[in-house]
PDB file of N, CA and C in Angstrom:
ATOM      1  N   PHE A   1       0.956  -1.028  -0.002  1.00  0.00           N
ATOM      2  CA  PHE A   1      -0.104   0.249   0.201  1.00  0.00           C
ATOM      3  C   PHE A   1       0.967   1.207   0.133  1.00  0.00           C
ATOM      4  N   SER A   2       0.406   2.336  -0.605  1.00  0.00           N
ATOM      5  CA  SER A   2       1.281   3.596  -0.694  1.00  0.00           C
ATOM      6  C   SER A   2       0.268   4.576   0.106  1.00  0.00           C
ATOM      7  N   PHE A   3       1.218   5.421   0.450  1.00  0.00           N
ATOM      8  CA  PHE A   3       0.643   6.526   1.599  1.00  0.00           C
ATOM      9  C   PHE A   3       1.179   7.876   1.006  1.00  0.00           C
ATOM     10  N   SER A   4       0.349   9.110   0.587  1.00  0.00           N
ATOM     11  CA  SER A   4       0.788  10.146  -0.296  1.00  0.00           C
ATOM     12  C   SER A   4       0.412  11.045   0.622  1.00  0.00           C
ATOM     13  N   ILE A   5       1.290  11.805   0.885  1.00  0.00           N
ATOM     14  CA  ILE A   5       0.998  12.995   1.804  1.00  0.00           C
ATOM     15  C   ILE A   5       0.617  14.326   1.143  1.00  0.00           C
ATOM     16  N   GLY A   6      -0.358  15.234   1.610  1.00  0.00           N
ATOM     17  CA  GLY A   6      -0.757  16.403   0.543  1.00  0.00           C
ATOM     18  C   GLY A   6      -0.710  17.435   1.339  1.00  0.00           C
ATOM     19  N   PHE A   7      -0.740  18.545   0.430  1.00  0.00           N
ATOM     20  CA  PHE A   7      -0.838  20.150   1.179  1.00  0.00           C
ATOM     21  C   PHE A   7      -1.518  20.934   0.673  1.00  0.00           C
ATOM     22  N   LYS A   8      -2.076  21.806   1.370  1.00  0.00           N
ATOM     23  CA  LYS A   8      -2.749  22.907   1.156  1.00  0.00           C
ATOM     24  C   LYS A   8      -2.027  23.875   0.202  1.00  0.00           C
ATOM     25  N   CYS A   9      -2.512  24.125  -1.179  1.00  0.00           N
ATOM     26  CA  CYS A   9      -1.638  25.205  -1.837  1.00  0.00           C
ATOM     27  C   CYS A   9      -1.836  26.882  -1.112  1.00  0.00           C
ATOM     28  N   PRO A  10      -0.846  27.179  -1.228  1.00  0.00           N
ATOM     29  CA  PRO A  10      -0.722  28.600  -0.746  1.00  0.00           C
ATOM     30  C   PRO A  10      -1.070  29.606  -1.426  1.00  0.00           C
ATOM     31  N   VAL A  11      -1.450  29.333  -2.616  1.00  0.00           N
ATOM     32  CA  VAL A  11      -2.132  30.071  -3.597  1.00  0.00           C
ATOM     33  C   VAL A  11      -3.534  30.240  -3.859  1.00  0.00           C
ATOM     34  N   CYS A  12      -4.096  28.943  -4.119  1.00  0.00           N
ATOM     35  CA  CYS A  12      -5.490  28.577  -4.477  1.00  0.00           C
ATOM     36  C   CYS A  12      -6.301  28.258  -3.317  1.00  0.00           C
ATOM     37  N   SER A  13      -5.513  27.580  -2.172  1.00  0.00           N
ATOM     38  CA  SER A  13      -5.878  26.859  -1.250  1.00  0.00           C
ATOM     39  C   SER A  13      -6.808  25.548  -1.290  1.00  0.00           C
ATOM     40  N   LYS A  14      -6.587  24.982  -2.524  1.00  0.00           N
ATOM     41  CA  LYS A  14      -6.601  23.396  -2.787  1.00  0.00           C
ATOM     42  C   LYS A  14      -5.788  22.484  -2.081  1.00  0.00           C
ATOM     43  N   PHE A  15      -6.223  21.485  -1.737  1.00  0.00           N
ATOM     44  CA  PHE A  15      -5.553  20.310  -1.170  1.00  0.00           C
ATOM     45  C   PHE A  15      -5.180  19.288  -2.461  1.00  0.00           C
ATOM     46  N   VAL A  16      -3.819  19.446  -2.452  1.00  0.00           N
ATOM     47  CA  VAL A  16      -2.883  19.009  -3.494  1.00  0.00           C
ATOM     48  C   VAL A  16      -1.965  17.486  -3.105  1.00  0.00           C
ATOM     49  N   SER A  17      -1.992  16.543  -3.810  1.00  0.00           N
ATOM     50  CA  SER A  17      -1.071  15.355  -3.337  1.00  0.00           C
ATOM     51  C   SER A  17       0.438  16.125  -3.490  1.00  0.00           C
ATOM     52  N   SER A  18       1.261  15.554  -2.564  1.00  0.00           N
ATOM     53  CA  SER A  18       2.728  15.778  -2.706  1.00  0.00           C
ATOM     54  C   SER A  18       3.444  15.607  -4.246  1.00  0.00           C
ATOM     55  N   ASP A  19       2.953  14.677  -4.641  1.00  0.00           N
ATOM     56  CA  ASP A  19       3.463  14.372  -6.106  1.00  0.00           C
ATOM     57  C   ASP A  19       3.093  15.543  -6.949  1.00  0.00           C
ATOM     58  N   GLU A  20       1.983  16.042  -7.050  1.00  0.00           N
ATOM     59  CA  GLU A  20       1.778  17.147  -8.115  1.00  0.00           C
ATOM     60  C   GLU A  20       1.796  18.391  -7.383  1.00  0.00           C
ATOM     61  N   MET A  21       2.470  18.395  -6.291  1.00  0.00           N
ATOM     62  CA  MET A  21       2.133  20.084  -5.563  1.00  0.00           C
ATOM     63  C   MET A  21       3.464  21.142  -6.695  1.00  0.00           C
ATOM     64  N   ASP A  22       4.623  20.448  -7.050  1.00  0.00           N
ATOM     65  CA  ASP A  22       5.418  21.388  -7.839  1.00  0.00           C
ATOM     66  C   ASP A  22       4.728  22.038  -9.198  1.00  0.00           C
ATOM     67  N   LEU A  23       4.006  21.034  -9.715  1.00  0.00           N
ATOM     68  CA  LEU A  23       3.654  21.255 -10.896  1.00  0.00           C
ATOM     69  C   LEU A  23       2.348  22.479 -10.803  1.00  0.00           C
ATOM     70  N   HIS A  24       1.315  21.981  -9.434  1.00  0.00           N
ATOM     71  CA  HIS A  24       0.087  22.580  -9.119  1.00  0.00           C
ATOM     72  C   HIS A  24       0.811  24.269  -8.952  1.00  0.00           C
ATOM     73  N   LEU A  25       1.768  24.142  -8.327  1.00  0.00           N
ATOM     74  CA  LEU A  25       2.264  25.433  -7.959  1.00  0.00           C
ATOM     75  C   LEU A  25       2.534  26.200  -9.169  1.00  0.00           C
ATOM     76  N   VAL A  26       3.350  25.908  -9.764  1.00  0.00           N
ATOM     77  CA  VAL A  26       3.862  26.626 -11.286  1.00  0.00           C
ATOM     78  C   VAL A  26       2.432  26.814 -11.933  1.00  0.00           C
ATOM     79  N   MET A  27       1.827  26.196 -11.854  1.00  0.00           N
ATOM     80  CA  MET A  27       0.418  26.530 -12.627  1.00  0.00           C
ATOM     81  C   MET A  27      -0.475  27.636 -12.169  1.00  0.00           C
ATOM     82  N   CYS A  28      -0.716  27.324 -10.528  1.00  0.00           N
ATOM     83  CA  CYS A  28      -1.123  28.570  -9.846  1.00  0.00           C
ATOM     84  C   CYS A  28      -0.291  30.097  -9.833  1.00  0.00           C
ATOM     85  N   LEU A  29       0.816  29.787  -9.659  1.00  0.00           N
ATOM     86  CA  LEU A  29       1.554  31.339 -10.128  1.00  0.00           C
ATOM     87  C   LEU A  29       1.629  32.037 -10.977  1.00  0.00           C
ATOM     88  N   THR A  30       1.697  31.124 -12.464  1.00  0.00           N
ATOM     89  CA  THR A  30       1.741  31.565 -13.795  1.00  0.00           C
ATOM     90  C   THR A  30       0.249  31.772 -14.116  1.00  0.00           C
ATOM     91  N   LYS A  31      -0.905  31.155 -13.635  1.00  0.00           N
ATOM     92  CA  LYS A  31      -2.179  31.699 -14.395  1.00  0.00           C
ATOM     93  C   LYS A  31      -2.317  32.997 -14.374  1.00  0.00           C
ATOM     94  N   PRO A  32      -2.831  33.403 -15.320  1.00  0.00           N
ATOM     95  CA  PRO A  32      -3.176  34.760 -15.311  1.00  0.00           C
ATOM     96  C   PRO A  32      -4.636  35.418 -14.479  1.00  0.00           C
ATOM     97  N   ARG A  33      -4.499  36.634 -14.087  1.00  0.00           N
ATOM     98  CA  ARG A  33      -5.394  36.978 -13.128  1.00  0.00           C
ATOM     99  C   ARG A  33      -6.831  37.143 -13.969  1.00  0.00           C
ATOM    100  N   ILE A  34      -7.946  36.943 -13.537  1.00  0.00           N
ATOM    101  CA  ILE A  34      -9.060  37.260 -14.464  1.00  0.00           C
ATOM    102  C   ILE A  34      -9.428  38.685 -14.902  1.00  0.00           C
ATOM    103  N   THR A  35      -9.574  38.941 -15.987  1.00  0.00           N
ATOM    104  CA  THR A  35      -9.503  40.409 -16.170  1.00  0.00           C
ATOM    105  C   THR A  35     -11.348  40.572 -15.743  1.00  0.00           C
ATOM    106  N   TYR A  36     -11.646  42.017 -15.897  1.00  0.00           N
ATOM    107  CA  TYR A  36     -12.775  42.309 -15.560  1.00  0.00           C
ATOM    108  C   TYR A  36     -13.088  43.709 -16.104  1.00  0.00           C
ATOM    109  N   ASN A  37     -14.596  44.053 -16.624  1.00  0.00           N
ATOM    110  CA  ASN A  37     -15.142  45.418 -16.740  1.00  0.00           C
ATOM    111  C   ASN A  37     -15.326  46.375 -15.821  1.00  0.00           C
ATOM    112  N   GLU A  38     -14.834  47.324 -15.795  1.00  0.00           N
ATOM    113  CA  GLU A  38     -15.288  48.349 -14.699  1.00  0.00           C
ATOM    114  C   GLU A  38     -16.446  49.237 -15.120  1.00  0.00           C
ATOM    115  N   ASP A  39     -17.530  49.244 -14.060  1.00  0.00           N
ATOM    116  CA  ASP A  39     -18.755  50.024 -14.471  1.00  0.00           C
ATOM    117  C   ASP A  39     -19.191  50.689 -13.068  1.00  0.00           C
ATOM    118  N   VAL A  40     -20.193  51.584 -13.289  1.00  0.00           N
ATOM    119  CA  VAL A  40     -20.741  52.335 -12.150  1.00  0.00           C
ATOM    120  C   VAL A  40     -22.239  51.566 -12.085  1.00  0.00           C
ATOM    121  N   LEU A  41     -22.787  51.126 -10.956  1.00  0.00           N
ATOM    122  CA  LEU A  41     -24.029  50.483 -10.762  1.00  0.00           C
ATOM    123  C   LEU A  41     -25.211  51.492 -10.996  1.00  0.00           C
ATOM    124  N   SER A  42     -26.115  51.228 -11.729  1.00  0.00           N
ATOM    125  CA  SER A  42     -27.152  52.174 -12.058  1.00  0.00           C
ATOM    126  C   SER A  42     -28.334  51.917 -11.053  1.00  0.00           C
ATOM    127  N   LYS A  43     -28.477  50.549 -10.334  1.00  0.00           N
ATOM    128  CA  LYS A  43     -29.408  50.382  -9.099  1.00  0.00           C
ATOM    129  C   LYS A  43     -28.599  49.258  -8.145  1.00  0.00           C
ATOM    130  N   ASP A  44     -29.041  49.275  -6.971  1.00  0.00           N
ATOM    131  CA  ASP A  44     -28.717  48.593  -5.975  1.00  0.00           C
ATOM    132  C   ASP A  44     -28.682  47.024  -6.404  1.00  0.00           C
ATOM    133  N   ALA A  45     -27.586  46.122  -6.208  1.00  0.00           N
ATOM    134  CA  ALA A  45     -27.567  44.733  -6.836  1.00  0.00           C
ATOM    135  C   ALA A  45     -27.259  43.693  -5.356  1.00  0.00           C
ATOM    136  N   GLY A  46     -27.734  44.218  -4.430  1.00  0.00           N
ATOM    137  CA  GLY A  46     -27.279  42.884  -3.204  1.00  0.00           C
ATOM    138  C   GLY A  46     -25.798  43.297  -2.724  1.00  0.00           C
ATOM    139  N   GLU A  47     -25.061  42.083  -2.129  1.00  0.00           N
ATOM    140  CA  GLU A  47     -24.280  42.396  -1.306  1.00  0.00           C
ATOM    141  C   GLU A  47     -22.803  41.784  -2.127  1.00  0.00           C
ATOM    142  N   CYS A  48     -21.703  42.436  -1.748  1.00  0.00           N
ATOM    143  CA  CYS A  48     -20.534  42.087  -2.038  1.00  0.00           C
ATOM    144  C   CYS A  48     -19.994  40.856  -1.619  1.00  0.00           C
ATOM    145  N   ALA A  49     -19.827  39.685  -2.063  1.00  0.00           N
ATOM    146  CA  ALA A  49     -19.238  38.365  -1.442  1.00  0.00           C
ATOM    147  C   ALA A  49     -18.106  38.520  -0.470  1.00  0.00           C
ATOM    148  N   ILE A  50     -17.318  39.714  -0.782  1.00  0.00           N
ATOM    149  CA  ILE A  50     -16.099  39.782  -0.336  1.00  0.00           C
ATOM    150  C   ILE A  50     -16.225  40.521   1.008  1.00  0.00           C
ATOM    151  N   CYS A  51     -16.594  42.014   0.796  1.00  0.00           N
ATOM    152  CA  CYS A  51     -16.711  42.408   2.287  1.00  0.00           C
ATOM    153  C   CYS A  51     -18.128  42.194   3.139  1.00  0.00           C
ATOM    154  N   LEU A  52     -18.856  41.802   2.037  1.00  0.00           N
ATOM    155  CA  LEU A  52     -20.414  41.590   2.491  1.00  0.00           C
ATOM    156  C   LEU A  52     -21.271  42.604   2.885  1.00  0.00           C
ATOM    157  N   GLU A  53     -20.885  44.144   2.318  1.00  0.00           N
ATOM    158  CA  GLU A  53     -21.461  45.087   2.327  1.00  0.00           C
ATOM    159  C   GLU A  53     -22.089  45.385   1.263  1.00  0.00           C
ATOM    160  N   GLU A  54     -23.452  46.295   1.155  1.00  0.00           N
ATOM    161  CA  GLU A  54     -24.357  46.388  -0.102  1.00  0.00           C
ATOM    162  C   GLU A  54     -23.588  46.744  -1.193  1.00  0.00           C
ATOM    163  N   LEU A  55     -23.993  46.408  -2.455  1.00  0.00           N
ATOM    164  CA  LEU A  55     -23.890  47.114  -3.589  1.00  0.00           C
ATOM    165  C   LEU A  55     -24.698  47.955  -3.999  1.00  0.00           C
ATOM    166  N   GLN A  56     -24.212  49.355  -3.786  1.00  0.00           N
ATOM    167  CA  GLN A  56     -25.495  50.505  -3.936  1.00  0.00           C
ATOM    168  C   GLN A  56     -25.171  51.390  -5.252  1.00  0.00           C
ATOM    169  N   GLN A  57     -26.415  51.808  -5.774  1.00  0.00           N
ATOM    170  CA  GLN A  57     -26.402  52.696  -6.765  1.00  0.00           C
ATOM    171  C   GLN A  57     -25.357  53.711  -6.636  1.00  0.00           C
ATOM    172  N   GLY A  58     -24.413  53.882  -7.814  1.00  0.00           N
ATOM    173  CA  GLY A  58     -23.461  54.914  -7.789  1.00  0.00           C
ATOM    174  C   GLY A  58     -22.128  53.956  -7.494  1.00  0.00           C
ATOM    175  N   ASP A  59     -22.045  52.966  -6.957  1.00  0.00           N
ATOM    176  CA  ASP A  59     -20.638  52.338  -6.647  1.00  0.00           C
ATOM    177  C   ASP A  59     -19.918  51.658  -7.989  1.00  0.00           C
ATOM    178  N   THR A  60     -18.591  51.940  -7.653  1.00  0.00           N
ATOM    179  CA  THR A  60     -17.766  51.382  -8.989  1.00  0.00           C
ATOM    180  C   THR A  60     -17.641  50.301  -8.726  1.00  0.00           C
ATOM    181  N   ILE A  61     -18.061  49.174  -9.524  1.00  0.00           N
ATOM    182  CA  ILE A  61     -18.098  47.784  -9.472  1.00  0.00           C
ATOM    183  C   ILE A  61     -16.948  47.002 -10.679  1.00  0.00           C
ATOM    184  N   ALA A  62     -16.904  45.902 -10.202  1.00  0.00           N
ATOM    185  CA  ALA A  62     -16.028  45.345 -11.241  1.00  0.00           C
ATOM    186  C   ALA A  62     -16.755  44.192 -11.783  1.00  0.00           C
ATOM    187  N   ARG A  63     -17.268  43.673 -12.859  1.00  0.00           N
ATOM    188  CA  ARG A  63     -18.169  42.567 -13.339  1.00  0.00           C
ATOM    189  C   ARG A  63     -17.151  41.723 -13.791  1.00  0.00           C
ATOM    190  N   LEU A  64     -17.100  40.491 -13.556  1.00  0.00           N
ATOM    191  CA  LEU A  64     -16.147  39.552 -14.039  1.00  0.00           C
ATOM    192  C   LEU A  64     -16.820  38.549 -15.126  1.00  0.00           C
ATOM    193  N   PRO A  65     -16.134  37.768 -15.916  1.00  0.00           N
ATOM    194  CA  PRO A  65     -16.381  37.341 -17.207  1.00  0.00           C
ATOM    195  C   PRO A  65     -17.742  36.194 -16.666  1.00  0.00           C
ATOM    196  N   CYS A  66     -17.903  35.614 -15.503  1.00  0.00           N
ATOM    197  CA  CYS A  66     -18.833  34.881 -15.054  1.00  0.00           C
ATOM    198  C   CYS A  66     -20.107  35.516 -14.445  1.00  0.00           C
ATOM    199  N   LEU A  67     -20.072  37.074 -14.892  1.00  0.00           N
ATOM    200  CA  LEU A  67     -21.065  38.067 -14.558  1.00  0.00           C
ATOM    201  C   LEU A  67     -21.334  38.614 -12.730  1.00  0.00           C
ATOM    202  N   CYS A  68     -20.442  37.958 -12.047  1.00  0.00           N
ATOM    203  CA  CYS A  68     -20.302  37.967 -10.616  1.00  0.00           C
ATOM    204  C   CYS A  68     -19.841  39.420 -10.454  1.00  0.00           C
ATOM    205  N   ILE A  69     -20.505  40.735  -9.463  1.00  0.00           N
ATOM    206  CA  ILE A  69     -20.173  41.947  -9.225  1.00  0.00           C
ATOM    207  C   ILE A  69     -19.435  42.027  -8.044  1.00  0.00           C
ATOM    208  N   TYR A  70     -18.538  42.741  -7.915  1.00  0.00           N
ATOM    209  CA  TYR A  70     -17.831  43.033  -6.434  1.00  0.00           C
ATOM    210  C   TYR A  70     -17.503  44.677  -6.691  1.00  0.00           C
ATOM    211  N   HIS A  71     -17.163  45.087  -5.236  1.00  0.00           N
ATOM    212  CA  HIS A  71     -16.822  46.369  -5.332  1.00  0.00           C
ATOM    213  C   HIS A  71     -15.481  46.790  -5.799  1.00  0.00           C
ATOM    214  N   LYS A  72     -15.434  47.623  -6.924  1.00  0.00           N
ATOM    215  CA  LYS A  72     -14.106  48.253  -7.511  1.00  0.00           C
ATOM    216  C   LYS A  72     -13.007  49.240  -6.345  1.00  0.00           C
ATOM    217  N   GLY A  73     -13.984  50.194  -6.728  1.00  0.00           N
ATOM    218  CA  GLY A  73     -13.920  51.245  -5.541  1.00  0.00           C
ATOM    219  C   GLY A  73     -12.639  51.944  -6.161  1.00  0.00           C
ATOM    220  N   GLN A  74     -12.996  53.204  -5.559  1.00  0.00           N
ATOM    221  CA  GLN A  74     -11.617  54.072  -5.786  1.00  0.00           C
ATOM    222  C   GLN A  74     -10.627  54.414  -4.134  1.00  0.00           C
ATOM    223  N   VAL A  75      -9.480  54.696  -4.251  1.00  0.00           N
ATOM    224  CA  VAL A  75      -9.067  54.721  -2.951  1.00  0.00           C
ATOM    225  C   VAL A  75      -9.681  55.815  -2.018  1.00  0.00           C
ATOM    226  N   PHE A  76      -9.612  55.540  -0.946  1.00  0.00           N
ATOM    227  CA  PHE A  76     -10.184  56.593   0.003  1.00  0.00           C
ATOM    228  C   PHE A  76     -11.762  56.714  -0.049  1.00  0.00           C
ATOM    229  N   LEU A  77     -12.595  56.011  -1.157  1.00  0.00           N
ATOM    230  CA  LEU A  77     -13.725  56.447  -1.025  1.00  0.00           C
ATOM    231  C   LEU A  77     -14.553  54.894  -0.590  1.00  0.00           C
ATOM    232  N   GLN A  78     -14.095  54.179  -1.276  1.00  0.00           N
ATOM    233  CA  GLN A  78     -14.816  52.818  -0.949  1.00  0.00           C
ATOM    234  C   GLN A  78     -13.709  51.762  -1.034  1.00  0.00           C
ATOM    235  N   ASP A  79     -14.347  50.611  -0.759  1.00  0.00           N
ATOM    236  CA  ASP A  79     -13.173  49.596  -0.674  1.00  0.00           C
ATOM    237  C   ASP A  79     -13.204  49.002  -2.145  1.00  0.00           C
ATOM    238  N   ALA A  80     -11.920  48.684  -2.474  1.00  0.00           N
ATOM    239  CA  ALA A  80     -11.476  47.822  -3.466  1.00  0.00           C
ATOM    240  C   ALA A  80     -10.933  46.678  -3.663  1.00  0.00           C
ATOM    241  N   CYS A  81     -12.345  45.835  -3.225  1.00  0.00           N
ATOM    242  CA  CYS A  81     -12.465  44.375  -2.734  1.00  0.00           C
ATOM    243  C   CYS A  81     -11.925  43.454  -3.680  1.00  0.00           C
ATOM    244  N   ILE A  82     -12.358  43.231  -4.850  1.00  0.00           N
ATOM    245  CA  ILE A  82     -11.701  42.582  -6.170  1.00  0.00           C
ATOM    246  C   ILE A  82     -10.130  42.770  -6.034  1.00  0.00           C
ATOM    247  N   ASP A  83      -9.866  44.180  -6.077  1.00  0.00           N
ATOM    248  CA  ASP A  83      -8.343  44.046  -6.396  1.00  0.00           C
ATOM    249  C   ASP A  83      -7.578  43.519  -5.231  1.00  0.00           C
ATOM    250  N   GLU A  84      -8.184  43.724  -3.884  1.00  0.00           N
ATOM    251  CA  GLU A  84      -7.367  43.067  -2.971  1.00  0.00           C
ATOM    252  C   GLU A  84      -7.374  41.457  -2.862  1.00  0.00           C
ATOM    253  N   TRP A  85      -8.823  41.007  -3.394  1.00  0.00           N
ATOM    254  CA  TRP A  85      -8.942  39.763  -3.664  1.00  0.00           C
ATOM    255  C   TRP A  85      -7.958  39.060  -4.577  1.00  0.00           C
ATOM    256  N   PHE A  86      -7.742  39.520  -5.473  1.00  0.00           N
ATOM    257  CA  PHE A  86      -6.951  39.293  -6.611  1.00  0.00           C
ATOM    258  C   PHE A  86      -5.412  39.209  -6.315  1.00  0.00           C
ATOM    259  N   GLU A  87      -5.156  39.998  -5.022  1.00  0.00           N
ATOM    260  CA  GLU A  87      -3.648  40.065  -4.756  1.00  0.00           C
ATOM    261  C   GLU A  87      -3.331  38.715  -4.059  1.00  0.00           C
ATOM    262  N   VAL A  88      -4.190  37.649  -3.600  1.00  0.00           N
ATOM    263  CA  VAL A  88      -4.087  36.567  -3.132  1.00  0.00           C
ATOM    264  C   VAL A  88      -4.576  35.238  -3.707  1.00  0.00           C
ATOM    265  N   ASN A  89      -5.499  35.753  -4.679  1.00  0.00           N
ATOM    266  CA  ASN A  89      -6.284  34.743  -5.418  1.00  0.00           C
ATOM    267  C   ASN A  89      -6.122  35.171  -6.887  1.00  0.00           C
ATOM    268  N   ARG A  90      -6.667  34.089  -7.691  1.00  0.00           N
ATOM    269  CA  ARG A  90      -6.670  34.183  -9.056  1.00  0.00           C
ATOM    270  C   ARG A  90      -7.873  33.589  -9.849  1.00  0.00           C
ATOM    271  N   SER A  91      -9.185  33.928  -8.962  1.00  0.00           N
ATOM    272  CA  SER A  91     -10.383  33.117  -9.257  1.00  0.00           C
ATOM    273  C   SER A  91     -11.479  34.081  -8.754  1.00  0.00           C
ATOM    274  N   CYS A  92     -12.586  33.776  -9.374  1.00  0.00           N
ATOM    275  CA  CYS A  92     -13.685  34.308  -8.811  1.00  0.00           C
ATOM    276  C   CYS A  92     -14.032  34.095  -7.646  1.00  0.00           C
ATOM    277  N   PRO A  93     -14.421  34.665  -6.313  1.00  0.00           N
ATOM    278  CA  PRO A  93     -14.525  34.140  -5.112  1.00  0.00           C
ATOM    279  C   PRO A  93     -16.046  33.128  -4.784  1.00  0.00           C
ATOM    280  N   GLU A  94     -16.866  33.355  -6.026  1.00  0.00           N
ATOM    281  CA  GLU A  94     -17.969  32.395  -6.160  1.00  0.00           C
ATOM    282  C   GLU A  94     -17.941  31.469  -6.648  1.00  0.00           C
ATOM    283  N   HIS A  95     -16.689  31.190  -7.598  1.00  0.00           N
ATOM    284  CA  HIS A  95     -16.498  30.469  -8.628  1.00  0.00           C
ATOM    285  C   HIS A  95     -15.387  30.058  -8.701  1.00  0.00           C
ATOM    286  N   PRO A  96     -14.739  29.615  -7.841  1.00  0.00           N
ATOM    287  CA  PRO A  96     -13.032  29.314  -7.623  1.00  0.00           C
ATOM    288  C   PRO A  96     -12.337  28.062  -8.679  1.00  0.00           C
ATOM    289  N   SER A  97     -13.334  27.400  -9.069  1.00  0.00           N
ATOM    290  CA  SER A  97     -12.982  26.381 -10.253  1.00  0.00           C
ATOM    291  C   SER A  97     -13.052  26.866 -11.466  1.00  0.00           C
ATOM    292  N   ASP A  98     -13.234  27.913 -11.754  1.00  0.00           N
ATOM    293  CA  ASP A  98     -13.553  28.611 -13.314  1.00  0.00           C
ATOM    294  C   ASP A  98     -12.218  28.836 -13.810  1.00  0.00           C
TER     295      ASP A  98
END
C-alpha cells in the first residue's frame, strides 16, 4: 500500500498531493488573473461577497466574465474588494474552479 501526503496550496487553497505540488504551484503562480470590466451600478444589486457590504447605486464595481460583481472602488472612497482579493487569489470568489 502507498501513502501520499498532501498539502494545501498557498495560492488557491486547494488540497494537492505531494506528487503534484510542484506542478500545481507553477500553474497557480503563472495562471493569469481574471480580467474584468469596470462599471458604475445603475441600481442597488445585493451584497458584495467579499466584504459583505451592500452594492449600491453609484458604486464603482468590477464585473467578472462569470457576471459576478464586486466593489472595485477608488482609493479612500470605498473598498477595492476585487483588487485586494486578486492579490492572493486568481479566481472568482464565488466560482473558484472556473
